PDB file of N, CA and C in Angstrom:
ATOM      1  N   MET A   1     -21.752 -37.674   1.906  1.00  0.00           N
ATOM      2  CA  MET A   1     -22.128 -36.264   1.982  1.00  0.00           C
ATOM      3  C   MET A   1     -20.903 -35.404   1.565  1.00  0.00           C
ATOM      4  N   LEU A   2     -21.356 -34.348   0.744  1.00  0.00           N
ATOM      5  CA  LEU A   2     -20.269 -33.496   0.166  1.00  0.00           C
ATOM      6  C   LEU A   2     -20.287 -32.256   1.235  1.00  0.00           C
ATOM      7  N   THR A   3     -19.037 -31.756   1.338  1.00  0.00           N
ATOM      8  CA  THR A   3     -18.778 -30.753   2.375  1.00  0.00           C
ATOM      9  C   THR A   3     -18.075 -29.609   1.731  1.00  0.00           C
ATOM     10  N   ILE A   4     -18.568 -28.318   1.747  1.00  0.00           N
ATOM     11  CA  ILE A   4     -17.997 -27.240   1.117  1.00  0.00           C
ATOM     12  C   ILE A   4     -17.893 -26.150   2.154  1.00  0.00           C
ATOM     13  N   ALA A   5     -16.457 -25.780   2.239  1.00  0.00           N
ATOM     14  CA  ALA A   5     -16.001 -24.699   3.018  1.00  0.00           C
ATOM     15  C   ALA A   5     -15.981 -23.460   2.267  1.00  0.00           C
ATOM     16  N   ILE A   6     -16.523 -22.427   2.841  1.00  0.00           N
ATOM     17  CA  ILE A   6     -16.598 -20.997   2.268  1.00  0.00           C
ATOM     18  C   ILE A   6     -15.782 -20.200   3.092  1.00  0.00           C
ATOM     19  N   CYS A   7     -14.854 -19.630   2.660  1.00  0.00           N
ATOM     20  CA  CYS A   7     -13.885 -18.667   3.320  1.00  0.00           C
ATOM     21  C   CYS A   7     -13.991 -17.209   2.721  1.00  0.00           C
ATOM     22  N   ASP A   8     -14.664 -16.322   3.454  1.00  0.00           N
ATOM     23  CA  ASP A   8     -15.038 -15.005   2.871  1.00  0.00           C
ATOM     24  C   ASP A   8     -15.246 -14.092   4.223  1.00  0.00           C
ATOM     25  N   ALA A   9     -14.786 -12.799   4.169  1.00  0.00           N
ATOM     26  CA  ALA A   9     -14.891 -11.899   5.124  1.00  0.00           C
ATOM     27  C   ALA A   9     -16.399 -11.396   5.362  1.00  0.00           C
ATOM     28  N   ASN A  10     -17.211 -11.468   4.292  1.00  0.00           N
ATOM     29  CA  ASN A  10     -18.487 -10.974   4.470  1.00  0.00           C
ATOM     30  C   ASN A  10     -19.519 -12.007   4.823  1.00  0.00           C
ATOM     31  N   THR A  11     -20.092 -11.877   5.930  1.00  0.00           N
ATOM     32  CA  THR A  11     -21.061 -12.884   6.462  1.00  0.00           C
ATOM     33  C   THR A  11     -22.153 -13.079   5.515  1.00  0.00           C
ATOM     34  N   GLU A  12     -22.717 -12.089   5.022  1.00  0.00           N
ATOM     35  CA  GLU A  12     -23.929 -12.221   4.174  1.00  0.00           C
ATOM     36  C   GLU A  12     -23.532 -12.932   2.789  1.00  0.00           C
ATOM     37  N   TYR A  13     -22.325 -12.604   2.420  1.00  0.00           N
ATOM     38  CA  TYR A  13     -21.919 -13.162   1.113  1.00  0.00           C
ATOM     39  C   TYR A  13     -21.576 -14.692   1.414  1.00  0.00           C
ATOM     40  N   ARG A  14     -21.097 -15.148   2.514  1.00  0.00           N
ATOM     41  CA  ARG A  14     -20.954 -16.571   2.823  1.00  0.00           C
ATOM     42  C   ARG A  14     -22.316 -17.344   2.576  1.00  0.00           C
ATOM     43  N   LYS A  15     -23.437 -16.615   3.270  1.00  0.00           N
ATOM     44  CA  LYS A  15     -24.718 -17.200   3.211  1.00  0.00           C
ATOM     45  C   LYS A  15     -25.151 -17.322   1.865  1.00  0.00           C
ATOM     46  N   VAL A  16     -25.213 -16.232   1.104  1.00  0.00           N
ATOM     47  CA  VAL A  16     -25.672 -16.202  -0.259  1.00  0.00           C
ATOM     48  C   VAL A  16     -24.850 -17.221  -1.152  1.00  0.00           C
ATOM     49  N   THR A  17     -23.683 -17.394  -0.977  1.00  0.00           N
ATOM     50  CA  THR A  17     -22.793 -18.259  -1.758  1.00  0.00           C
ATOM     51  C   THR A  17     -23.313 -19.745  -1.378  1.00  0.00           C
ATOM     52  N   ALA A  18     -23.477 -20.089  -0.137  1.00  0.00           N
ATOM     53  CA  ALA A  18     -24.116 -21.435   0.152  1.00  0.00           C
ATOM     54  C   ALA A  18     -25.395 -21.615  -0.383  1.00  0.00           C
ATOM     55  N   ASP A  19     -26.207 -20.735  -0.334  1.00  0.00           N
ATOM     56  CA  ASP A  19     -27.458 -20.796  -0.831  1.00  0.00           C
ATOM     57  C   ASP A  19     -27.471 -21.018  -2.449  1.00  0.00           C
ATOM     58  N   ILE A  20     -26.483 -20.278  -3.206  1.00  0.00           N
ATOM     59  CA  ILE A  20     -26.494 -20.471  -4.567  1.00  0.00           C
ATOM     60  C   ILE A  20     -26.007 -21.819  -4.906  1.00  0.00           C
ATOM     61  N   TRP A  21     -24.980 -22.235  -4.209  1.00  0.00           N
ATOM     62  CA  TRP A  21     -24.319 -23.593  -4.590  1.00  0.00           C
ATOM     63  C   TRP A  21     -25.179 -24.679  -4.276  1.00  0.00           C
ATOM     64  N   SER A  22     -26.088 -24.644  -3.062  1.00  0.00           N
ATOM     65  CA  SER A  22     -26.795 -25.781  -2.810  1.00  0.00           C
ATOM     66  C   SER A  22     -28.052 -25.885  -3.723  1.00  0.00           C
ATOM     67  N   ARG A  23     -28.605 -24.719  -4.132  1.00  0.00           N
ATOM     68  CA  ARG A  23     -29.712 -24.742  -4.932  1.00  0.00           C
ATOM     69  C   ARG A  23     -29.450 -25.122  -6.483  1.00  0.00           C
ATOM     70  N   ALA A  24     -28.445 -24.540  -6.933  1.00  0.00           N
ATOM     71  CA  ALA A  24     -27.971 -24.554  -8.357  1.00  0.00           C
ATOM     72  C   ALA A  24     -27.193 -25.882  -8.754  1.00  0.00           C
ATOM     73  N   LEU A  25     -26.494 -26.269  -7.863  1.00  0.00           N
ATOM     74  CA  LEU A  25     -25.608 -27.391  -8.041  1.00  0.00           C
ATOM     75  C   LEU A  25     -25.906 -28.666  -7.427  1.00  0.00           C
ATOM     76  N   PHE A  26     -26.435 -28.687  -6.295  1.00  0.00           N
ATOM     77  CA  PHE A  26     -26.523 -29.778  -5.386  1.00  0.00           C
ATOM     78  C   PHE A  26     -27.927 -30.033  -4.892  1.00  0.00           C
ATOM     79  N   ASP A  27     -28.854 -29.758  -5.744  1.00  0.00           N
ATOM     80  CA  ASP A  27     -30.303 -29.989  -5.315  1.00  0.00           C
ATOM     81  C   ASP A  27     -30.542 -31.488  -4.953  1.00  0.00           C
ATOM     82  N   THR A  28     -29.749 -32.372  -5.602  1.00  0.00           N
ATOM     83  CA  THR A  28     -30.084 -33.830  -5.438  1.00  0.00           C
ATOM     84  C   THR A  28     -29.036 -34.402  -4.554  1.00  0.00           C
ATOM     85  N   GLU A  29     -28.071 -33.649  -4.177  1.00  0.00           N
ATOM     86  CA  GLU A  29     -26.956 -34.022  -3.403  1.00  0.00           C
ATOM     87  C   GLU A  29     -26.975 -33.673  -2.014  1.00  0.00           C
ATOM     88  N   ASP A  30     -26.554 -34.532  -1.081  1.00  0.00           N
ATOM     89  CA  ASP A  30     -26.277 -34.299   0.406  1.00  0.00           C
ATOM     90  C   ASP A  30     -25.190 -33.329   0.633  1.00  0.00           C
ATOM     91  N   VAL A  31     -25.337 -32.194   1.041  1.00  0.00           N
ATOM     92  CA  VAL A  31     -24.383 -31.154   1.032  1.00  0.00           C
ATOM     93  C   VAL A  31     -24.346 -30.468   2.319  1.00  0.00           C
ATOM     94  N   SER A  32     -23.243 -30.179   2.858  1.00  0.00           N
ATOM     95  CA  SER A  32     -23.093 -29.449   4.201  1.00  0.00           C
ATOM     96  C   SER A  32     -22.029 -28.310   4.010  1.00  0.00           C
ATOM     97  N   PHE A  33     -22.282 -27.291   4.606  1.00  0.00           N
ATOM     98  CA  PHE A  33     -21.297 -26.154   4.547  1.00  0.00           C
ATOM     99  C   PHE A  33     -20.543 -25.833   5.813  1.00  0.00           C
ATOM    100  N   ARG A  34     -19.343 -25.373   5.786  1.00  0.00           N
ATOM    101  CA  ARG A  34     -18.527 -24.928   6.977  1.00  0.00           C
ATOM    102  C   ARG A  34     -18.142 -23.407   6.437  1.00  0.00           C
ATOM    103  N   PHE A  35     -18.211 -22.416   7.399  1.00  0.00           N
ATOM    104  CA  PHE A  35     -17.922 -21.203   7.046  1.00  0.00           C
ATOM    105  C   PHE A  35     -16.756 -20.627   7.895  1.00  0.00           C
ATOM    106  N   TYR A  36     -16.043 -19.656   7.292  1.00  0.00           N
ATOM    107  CA  TYR A  36     -14.790 -19.060   7.749  1.00  0.00           C
ATOM    108  C   TYR A  36     -14.897 -17.693   7.379  1.00  0.00           C
ATOM    109  N   GLY A  37     -14.770 -16.714   8.278  1.00  0.00           N
ATOM    110  CA  GLY A  37     -14.779 -15.337   8.093  1.00  0.00           C
ATOM    111  C   GLY A  37     -13.419 -14.837   7.690  1.00  0.00           C
ATOM    112  N   GLY A  38     -12.320 -15.663   7.811  1.00  0.00           N
ATOM    113  CA  GLY A  38     -10.938 -15.247   7.503  1.00  0.00           C
ATOM    114  C   GLY A  38     -10.116 -16.583   7.440  1.00  0.00           C
ATOM    115  N   GLY A  39      -8.910 -16.246   7.165  1.00  0.00           N
ATOM    116  CA  GLY A  39      -7.842 -17.248   7.037  1.00  0.00           C
ATOM    117  C   GLY A  39      -7.520 -18.101   8.246  1.00  0.00           C
ATOM    118  N   LYS A  40      -7.328 -17.240   9.277  1.00  0.00           N
ATOM    119  CA  LYS A  40      -6.918 -17.803  10.557  1.00  0.00           C
ATOM    120  C   LYS A  40      -7.619 -18.953  11.215  1.00  0.00           C
ATOM    121  N   GLY A  41      -9.035 -18.911  10.913  1.00  0.00           N
ATOM    122  CA  GLY A  41      -9.726 -19.879  11.658  1.00  0.00           C
ATOM    123  C   GLY A  41      -9.678 -21.220  10.830  1.00  0.00           C
ATOM    124  N   LEU A  42      -9.576 -21.118   9.331  1.00  0.00           N
ATOM    125  CA  LEU A  42      -9.300 -22.203   8.486  1.00  0.00           C
ATOM    126  C   LEU A  42      -7.991 -22.844   8.756  1.00  0.00           C
ATOM    127  N   ILE A  43      -6.925 -22.016   9.025  1.00  0.00           N
ATOM    128  CA  ILE A  43      -5.600 -22.466   9.245  1.00  0.00           C
ATOM    129  C   ILE A  43      -5.676 -23.243  10.616  1.00  0.00           C
ATOM    130  N   ASP A  44      -6.339 -22.714  11.620  1.00  0.00           N
ATOM    131  CA  ASP A  44      -6.595 -23.228  12.908  1.00  0.00           C
ATOM    132  C   ASP A  44      -7.057 -24.616  12.800  1.00  0.00           C
ATOM    133  N   ASP A  45      -8.030 -24.710  12.017  1.00  0.00           N
ATOM    134  CA  ASP A  45      -8.932 -26.133  11.820  1.00  0.00           C
ATOM    135  C   ASP A  45      -7.947 -27.014  11.121  1.00  0.00           C
ATOM    136  N   TYR A  46      -6.936 -26.643  10.187  1.00  0.00           N
ATOM    137  CA  TYR A  46      -5.998 -27.541   9.629  1.00  0.00           C
ATOM    138  C   TYR A  46      -5.029 -27.868  10.653  1.00  0.00           C
ATOM    139  N   GLU A  47      -4.483 -27.090  11.388  1.00  0.00           N
ATOM    140  CA  GLU A  47      -3.502 -27.416  12.517  1.00  0.00           C
ATOM    141  C   GLU A  47      -4.047 -28.317  13.657  1.00  0.00           C
ATOM    142  N   LYS A  48      -5.395 -28.196  13.814  1.00  0.00           N
ATOM    143  CA  LYS A  48      -6.003 -28.952  14.941  1.00  0.00           C
ATOM    144  C   LYS A  48      -6.601 -30.287  14.340  1.00  0.00           C
ATOM    145  N   GLY A  49      -6.491 -30.525  13.025  1.00  0.00           N
ATOM    146  CA  GLY A  49      -6.833 -31.730  12.328  1.00  0.00           C
ATOM    147  C   GLY A  49      -8.229 -31.770  12.169  1.00  0.00           C
ATOM    148  N   THR A  50      -9.116 -30.639  12.384  1.00  0.00           N
ATOM    149  CA  THR A  50     -10.441 -30.771  12.177  1.00  0.00           C
ATOM    150  C   THR A  50     -11.071 -30.245  11.015  1.00  0.00           C
ATOM    151  N   PHE A  51     -10.169 -29.811  10.049  1.00  0.00           N
ATOM    152  CA  PHE A  51     -10.737 -29.176   8.682  1.00  0.00           C
ATOM    153  C   PHE A  51     -11.054 -30.391   7.688  1.00  0.00           C
ATOM    154  N   GLN A  52     -12.374 -30.276   7.452  1.00  0.00           N
ATOM    155  CA  GLN A  52     -12.777 -31.492   6.565  1.00  0.00           C
ATOM    156  C   GLN A  52     -13.814 -30.776   5.388  1.00  0.00           C
ATOM    157  N   ALA A  53     -13.267 -30.734   4.177  1.00  0.00           N
ATOM    158  CA  ALA A  53     -14.058 -30.207   3.256  1.00  0.00           C
ATOM    159  C   ALA A  53     -13.714 -30.873   1.887  1.00  0.00           C
ATOM    160  N   ASP A  54     -14.513 -31.181   1.009  1.00  0.00           N
ATOM    161  CA  ASP A  54     -14.289 -31.576  -0.364  1.00  0.00           C
ATOM    162  C   ASP A  54     -13.901 -30.427  -1.274  1.00  0.00           C
ATOM    163  N   ILE A  55     -14.551 -29.270  -1.199  1.00  0.00           N
ATOM    164  CA  ILE A  55     -14.401 -28.136  -1.996  1.00  0.00           C
ATOM    165  C   ILE A  55     -14.163 -26.946  -0.977  1.00  0.00           C
ATOM    166  N   LEU A  56     -13.330 -26.123  -1.366  1.00  0.00           N
ATOM    167  CA  LEU A  56     -13.167 -24.792  -0.749  1.00  0.00           C
ATOM    168  C   LEU A  56     -13.360 -23.604  -1.622  1.00  0.00           C
ATOM    169  N   ILE A  57     -14.329 -23.030  -1.227  1.00  0.00           N
ATOM    170  CA  ILE A  57     -14.486 -21.685  -2.047  1.00  0.00           C
ATOM    171  C   ILE A  57     -13.994 -20.471  -1.228  1.00  0.00           C
ATOM    172  N   MET A  58     -13.038 -19.727  -1.813  1.00  0.00           N
ATOM    173  CA  MET A  58     -12.431 -18.811  -0.956  1.00  0.00           C
ATOM    174  C   MET A  58     -12.239 -17.467  -1.837  1.00  0.00           C
ATOM    175  N   ASP A  59     -12.310 -16.468  -0.890  1.00  0.00           N
ATOM    176  CA  ASP A  59     -11.986 -15.039  -1.391  1.00  0.00           C
ATOM    177  C   ASP A  59     -10.382 -14.896  -1.276  1.00  0.00           C
ATOM    178  N   LEU A  60      -9.777 -14.138  -2.118  1.00  0.00           N
ATOM    179  CA  LEU A  60      -8.378 -13.855  -1.761  1.00  0.00           C
ATOM    180  C   LEU A  60      -8.072 -12.518  -0.881  1.00  0.00           C
ATOM    181  N   LEU A  61      -9.284 -11.833  -0.911  1.00  0.00           N
ATOM    182  CA  LEU A  61      -9.183 -10.446  -0.190  1.00  0.00           C
ATOM    183  C   LEU A  61      -9.787 -10.895   1.413  1.00  0.00           C
ATOM    184  N   LEU A  62      -8.890 -11.107   2.270  1.00  0.00           N
ATOM    185  CA  LEU A  62      -9.323 -11.511   3.582  1.00  0.00           C
ATOM    186  C   LEU A  62      -8.695 -10.494   4.692  1.00  0.00           C
ATOM    187  N   PRO A  63      -9.331 -10.305   5.731  1.00  0.00           N
ATOM    188  CA  PRO A  63      -8.969  -9.277   6.602  1.00  0.00           C
ATOM    189  C   PRO A  63      -7.639  -9.660   7.433  1.00  0.00           C
ATOM    190  N   ASP A  64      -7.488 -10.956   7.624  1.00  0.00           N
ATOM    191  CA  ASP A  64      -6.398 -11.465   8.681  1.00  0.00           C
ATOM    192  C   ASP A  64      -5.249 -12.171   8.065  1.00  0.00           C
ATOM    193  N   VAL A  65      -5.434 -12.708   6.947  1.00  0.00           N
ATOM    194  CA  VAL A  65      -4.347 -13.537   6.375  1.00  0.00           C
ATOM    195  C   VAL A  65      -4.364 -13.122   4.763  1.00  0.00           C
ATOM    196  N   SER A  66      -3.001 -13.124   4.176  1.00  0.00           N
ATOM    197  CA  SER A  66      -3.038 -12.798   2.732  1.00  0.00           C
ATOM    198  C   SER A  66      -3.757 -14.159   1.992  1.00  0.00           C
ATOM    199  N   GLY A  67      -4.652 -13.729   1.126  1.00  0.00           N
ATOM    200  CA  GLY A  67      -5.382 -14.814   0.372  1.00  0.00           C
ATOM    201  C   GLY A  67      -4.440 -15.713  -0.316  1.00  0.00           C
ATOM    202  N   LEU A  68      -3.332 -15.207  -0.815  1.00  0.00           N
ATOM    203  CA  LEU A  68      -2.467 -15.873  -1.734  1.00  0.00           C
ATOM    204  C   LEU A  68      -1.674 -16.873  -0.774  1.00  0.00           C
ATOM    205  N   ARG A  69      -1.196 -16.359   0.461  1.00  0.00           N
ATOM    206  CA  ARG A  69      -0.501 -17.210   1.442  1.00  0.00           C
ATOM    207  C   ARG A  69      -1.524 -18.290   1.945  1.00  0.00           C
ATOM    208  N   LEU A  70      -2.649 -17.965   2.185  1.00  0.00           N
ATOM    209  CA  LEU A  70      -3.783 -19.096   2.682  1.00  0.00           C
ATOM    210  C   LEU A  70      -3.896 -20.057   1.469  1.00  0.00           C
ATOM    211  N   LEU A  71      -3.902 -19.622   0.303  1.00  0.00           N
ATOM    212  CA  LEU A  71      -4.132 -20.579  -0.859  1.00  0.00           C
ATOM    213  C   LEU A  71      -2.730 -21.414  -0.946  1.00  0.00           C
ATOM    214  N   GLN A  72      -1.544 -20.916  -0.782  1.00  0.00           N
ATOM    215  CA  GLN A  72      -0.289 -21.789  -0.853  1.00  0.00           C
ATOM    216  C   GLN A  72      -0.409 -22.660   0.392  1.00  0.00           C
ATOM    217  N   TYR A  73      -0.861 -22.298   1.616  1.00  0.00           N
ATOM    218  CA  TYR A  73      -0.981 -23.068   2.830  1.00  0.00           C
ATOM    219  C   TYR A  73      -1.798 -24.282   2.613  1.00  0.00           C
ATOM    220  N   VAL A  74      -3.020 -23.879   2.020  1.00  0.00           N
ATOM    221  CA  VAL A  74      -3.983 -25.115   2.014  1.00  0.00           C
ATOM    222  C   VAL A  74      -3.520 -26.116   0.800  1.00  0.00           C
ATOM    223  N   ARG A  75      -3.001 -25.684  -0.209  1.00  0.00           N
ATOM    224  CA  ARG A  75      -2.547 -26.512  -1.216  1.00  0.00           C
ATOM    225  C   ARG A  75      -1.360 -27.369  -0.654  1.00  0.00           C
ATOM    226  N   ASN A  76      -0.423 -26.845   0.076  1.00  0.00           N
ATOM    227  CA  ASN A  76       0.584 -27.642   0.722  1.00  0.00           C
ATOM    228  C   ASN A  76      -0.019 -28.610   1.692  1.00  0.00           C
ATOM    229  N   LYS A  77      -1.036 -28.250   2.505  1.00  0.00           N
ATOM    230  CA  LYS A  77      -1.564 -29.277   3.433  1.00  0.00           C
ATOM    231  C   LYS A  77      -2.513 -30.322   2.800  1.00  0.00           C
ATOM    232  N   ASP A  78      -3.060 -29.920   1.579  1.00  0.00           N
ATOM    233  CA  ASP A  78      -4.190 -30.876   1.098  1.00  0.00           C
ATOM    234  C   ASP A  78      -4.024 -30.810  -0.424  1.00  0.00           C
ATOM    235  N   ALA A  79      -3.345 -31.787  -1.029  1.00  0.00           N
ATOM    236  CA  ALA A  79      -3.154 -31.728  -2.501  1.00  0.00           C
ATOM    237  C   ALA A  79      -4.453 -32.006  -3.210  1.00  0.00           C
ATOM    238  N   ALA A  80      -5.359 -32.689  -2.640  1.00  0.00           N
ATOM    239  CA  ALA A  80      -6.675 -33.364  -3.157  1.00  0.00           C
ATOM    240  C   ALA A  80      -7.890 -32.285  -3.216  1.00  0.00           C
ATOM    241  N   ILE A  81      -7.949 -31.360  -2.297  1.00  0.00           N
ATOM    242  CA  ILE A  81      -8.925 -30.560  -2.335  1.00  0.00           C
ATOM    243  C   ILE A  81      -9.275 -29.674  -3.535  1.00  0.00           C
ATOM    244  N   THR A  82     -10.592 -29.492  -3.823  1.00  0.00           N
ATOM    245  CA  THR A  82     -10.923 -28.774  -4.980  1.00  0.00           C
ATOM    246  C   THR A  82     -11.108 -27.294  -4.523  1.00  0.00           C
ATOM    247  N   ILE A  83     -10.332 -26.373  -4.900  1.00  0.00           N
ATOM    248  CA  ILE A  83     -10.436 -24.990  -4.612  1.00  0.00           C
ATOM    249  C   ILE A  83     -11.056 -24.103  -5.749  1.00  0.00           C
ATOM    250  N   ILE A  84     -11.893 -23.253  -5.358  1.00  0.00           N
ATOM    251  CA  ILE A  84     -12.511 -22.290  -6.285  1.00  0.00           C
ATOM    252  C   ILE A  84     -12.294 -20.980  -5.650  1.00  0.00           C
ATOM    253  N   LEU A  85     -11.589 -20.039  -6.518  1.00  0.00           N
ATOM    254  CA  LEU A  85     -11.559 -18.773  -5.910  1.00  0.00           C
ATOM    255  C   LEU A  85     -12.861 -17.906  -6.523  1.00  0.00           C
ATOM    256  N   GLN A  86     -13.155 -17.295  -5.360  1.00  0.00           N
ATOM    257  CA  GLN A  86     -14.422 -16.442  -5.608  1.00  0.00           C
ATOM    258  C   GLN A  86     -14.204 -15.068  -5.079  1.00  0.00           C
ATOM    259  N   THR A  87     -13.651 -14.238  -5.933  1.00  0.00           N
ATOM    260  CA  THR A  87     -13.018 -12.808  -5.470  1.00  0.00           C
ATOM    261  C   THR A  87     -13.397 -11.698  -6.384  1.00  0.00           C
ATOM    262  N   GLU A  88     -13.266 -10.606  -6.014  1.00  0.00           N
ATOM    263  CA  GLU A  88     -13.291  -9.289  -6.854  1.00  0.00           C
ATOM    264  C   GLU A  88     -11.912  -9.020  -7.407  1.00  0.00           C
ATOM    265  N   ALA A  89     -10.864  -9.715  -6.916  1.00  0.00           N
ATOM    266  CA  ALA A  89      -9.533  -9.376  -7.294  1.00  0.00           C
ATOM    267  C   ALA A  89      -9.223 -10.202  -8.507  1.00  0.00           C
ATOM    268  N   GLU A  90      -9.653  -9.667  -9.679  1.00  0.00           N
ATOM    269  CA  GLU A  90      -9.678 -10.384 -10.967  1.00  0.00           C
ATOM    270  C   GLU A  90      -8.138 -10.592 -11.463  1.00  0.00           C
ATOM    271  N   GLU A  91      -7.474  -9.636 -11.075  1.00  0.00           N
ATOM    272  CA  GLU A  91      -5.991  -9.653 -11.568  1.00  0.00           C
ATOM    273  C   GLU A  91      -5.315 -10.850 -10.840  1.00  0.00           C
ATOM    274  N   LEU A  92      -5.833 -11.400  -9.881  1.00  0.00           N
ATOM    275  CA  LEU A  92      -5.091 -12.449  -9.118  1.00  0.00           C
ATOM    276  C   LEU A  92      -5.458 -13.822  -9.674  1.00  0.00           C
ATOM    277  N   ALA A  93      -6.401 -13.835 -10.723  1.00  0.00           N
ATOM    278  CA  ALA A  93      -6.848 -15.124 -11.208  1.00  0.00           C
ATOM    279  C   ALA A  93      -5.669 -16.134 -11.799  1.00  0.00           C
ATOM    280  N   VAL A  94      -4.876 -15.557 -12.505  1.00  0.00           N
ATOM    281  CA  VAL A  94      -3.768 -16.212 -13.052  1.00  0.00           C
ATOM    282  C   VAL A  94      -2.906 -16.899 -12.061  1.00  0.00           C
ATOM    283  N   VAL A  95      -2.648 -16.043 -10.849  1.00  0.00           N
ATOM    284  CA  VAL A  95      -1.854 -16.572  -9.870  1.00  0.00           C
ATOM    285  C   VAL A  95      -2.444 -17.779  -9.193  1.00  0.00           C
ATOM    286  N   GLY A  96      -3.657 -17.930  -9.127  1.00  0.00           N
ATOM    287  CA  GLY A  96      -4.325 -18.986  -8.384  1.00  0.00           C
ATOM    288  C   GLY A  96      -4.101 -20.107  -9.247  1.00  0.00           C
ATOM    289  N   TYR A  97      -4.009 -20.261 -10.443  1.00  0.00           N
ATOM    290  CA  TYR A  97      -3.783 -21.433 -11.292  1.00  0.00           C
ATOM    291  C   TYR A  97      -2.355 -22.084 -10.895  1.00  0.00           C
ATOM    292  N   ARG A  98      -1.404 -21.319 -10.338  1.00  0.00           N
ATOM    293  CA  ARG A  98      -0.110 -21.810  -9.917  1.00  0.00           C
ATOM    294  C   ARG A  98      -0.436 -22.954  -8.806  1.00  0.00           C
ATOM    295  N   TYR A  99      -1.621 -22.867  -8.093  1.00  0.00           N
ATOM    296  CA  TYR A  99      -1.854 -23.678  -7.029  1.00  0.00           C
ATOM    297  C   TYR A  99      -3.045 -24.633  -7.282  1.00  0.00           C
ATOM    298  N   ARG A 100      -3.177 -24.881  -8.683  1.00  0.00           N
ATOM    299  CA  ARG A 100      -4.148 -25.870  -9.161  1.00  0.00           C
ATOM    300  C   ARG A 100      -5.494 -25.557  -8.639  1.00  0.00           C
ATOM    301  N   VAL A 101      -5.923 -24.214  -8.878  1.00  0.00           N
ATOM    302  CA  VAL A 101      -7.188 -23.878  -8.521  1.00  0.00           C
ATOM    303  C   VAL A 101      -8.129 -24.491  -9.707  1.00  0.00           C
ATOM    304  N   PHE A 102      -9.264 -24.866  -9.279  1.00  0.00           N
ATOM    305  CA  PHE A 102     -10.178 -25.497 -10.175  1.00  0.00           C
ATOM    306  C   PHE A 102     -10.930 -24.636 -11.080  1.00  0.00           C
ATOM    307  N   ASP A 103     -11.292 -23.472 -10.460  1.00  0.00           N
ATOM    308  CA  ASP A 103     -12.012 -22.384 -11.214  1.00  0.00           C
ATOM    309  C   ASP A 103     -11.904 -21.173 -10.530  1.00  0.00           C
ATOM    310  N   PHE A 104     -12.217 -20.041 -11.174  1.00  0.00           N
ATOM    311  CA  PHE A 104     -12.151 -18.548 -10.660  1.00  0.00           C
ATOM    312  C   PHE A 104     -13.445 -17.970 -11.110  1.00  0.00           C
ATOM    313  N   ILE A 105     -14.186 -17.314 -10.054  1.00  0.00           N
ATOM    314  CA  ILE A 105     -15.288 -16.670 -10.243  1.00  0.00           C
ATOM    315  C   ILE A 105     -15.295 -15.314  -9.812  1.00  0.00           C
ATOM    316  N   VAL A 106     -15.472 -14.366 -10.559  1.00  0.00           N
ATOM    317  CA  VAL A 106     -15.609 -12.989 -10.147  1.00  0.00           C
ATOM    318  C   VAL A 106     -16.753 -12.731  -9.365  1.00  0.00           C
ATOM    319  N   LYS A 107     -16.682 -12.201  -8.167  1.00  0.00           N
ATOM    320  CA  LYS A 107     -17.780 -12.164  -7.176  1.00  0.00           C
ATOM    321  C   LYS A 107     -18.959 -11.422  -7.726  1.00  0.00           C
ATOM    322  N   HIS A 108     -18.823 -10.241  -8.214  1.00  0.00           N
ATOM    323  CA  HIS A 108     -20.167  -9.493  -8.613  1.00  0.00           C
ATOM    324  C   HIS A 108     -20.650 -10.139  -9.918  1.00  0.00           C
ATOM    325  N   LYS A 109     -19.991 -11.004 -10.472  1.00  0.00           N
ATOM    326  CA  LYS A 109     -20.783 -11.699 -11.591  1.00  0.00           C
ATOM    327  C   LYS A 109     -21.161 -13.168 -11.079  1.00  0.00           C
ATOM    328  N   SER A 110     -20.880 -13.578  -9.972  1.00  0.00           N
ATOM    329  CA  SER A 110     -21.097 -14.913  -9.646  1.00  0.00           C
ATOM    330  C   SER A 110     -22.535 -15.377  -9.467  1.00  0.00           C
ATOM    331  N   LEU A 111     -23.530 -14.593  -9.401  1.00  0.00           N
ATOM    332  CA  LEU A 111     -24.824 -15.027  -9.341  1.00  0.00           C
ATOM    333  C   LEU A 111     -25.189 -15.453 -10.858  1.00  0.00           C
ATOM    334  N   LYS A 112     -24.898 -14.841 -11.725  1.00  0.00           N
ATOM    335  CA  LYS A 112     -25.103 -15.120 -13.062  1.00  0.00           C
ATOM    336  C   LYS A 112     -24.362 -16.496 -13.563  1.00  0.00           C
ATOM    337  N   GLU A 113     -23.131 -16.504 -13.102  1.00  0.00           N
ATOM    338  CA  GLU A 113     -22.262 -17.638 -13.600  1.00  0.00           C
ATOM    339  C   GLU A 113     -22.697 -18.955 -12.977  1.00  0.00           C
ATOM    340  N   ILE A 114     -23.016 -18.821 -11.743  1.00  0.00           N
ATOM    341  CA  ILE A 114     -23.396 -20.135 -10.915  1.00  0.00           C
ATOM    342  C   ILE A 114     -24.761 -20.462 -11.264  1.00  0.00           C
ATOM    343  N   GLY A 115     -25.799 -19.531 -11.100  1.00  0.00           N
ATOM    344  CA  GLY A 115     -27.169 -19.850 -11.259  1.00  0.00           C
ATOM    345  C   GLY A 115     -27.532 -19.829 -12.575  1.00  0.00           C
TER     346      GLY A 115
END
């Protein structure tokens, strides 16, 4: 089973993202999702040893933790996880590649890019 973690402050956007990814990319794959409204919950799961995901789709604009700090934290904890940045902060795309981000999707364009 493939597990995708989605970290985004917007509840509705988390649901839409999961729906898009499951329908467009994983219609024949067994996939599950874990949802995070901010970075603190994700960090807490890493600290407790309960974070499990193959792919992390995350926004850099989070209410509780700097997205760049979260990105650095995740990469230091997990060198193998595939990270996809999905954000409106286009100017931060280049910075994300410093942390071996797999891809960068601009949020308001993501429906067209993914689907």
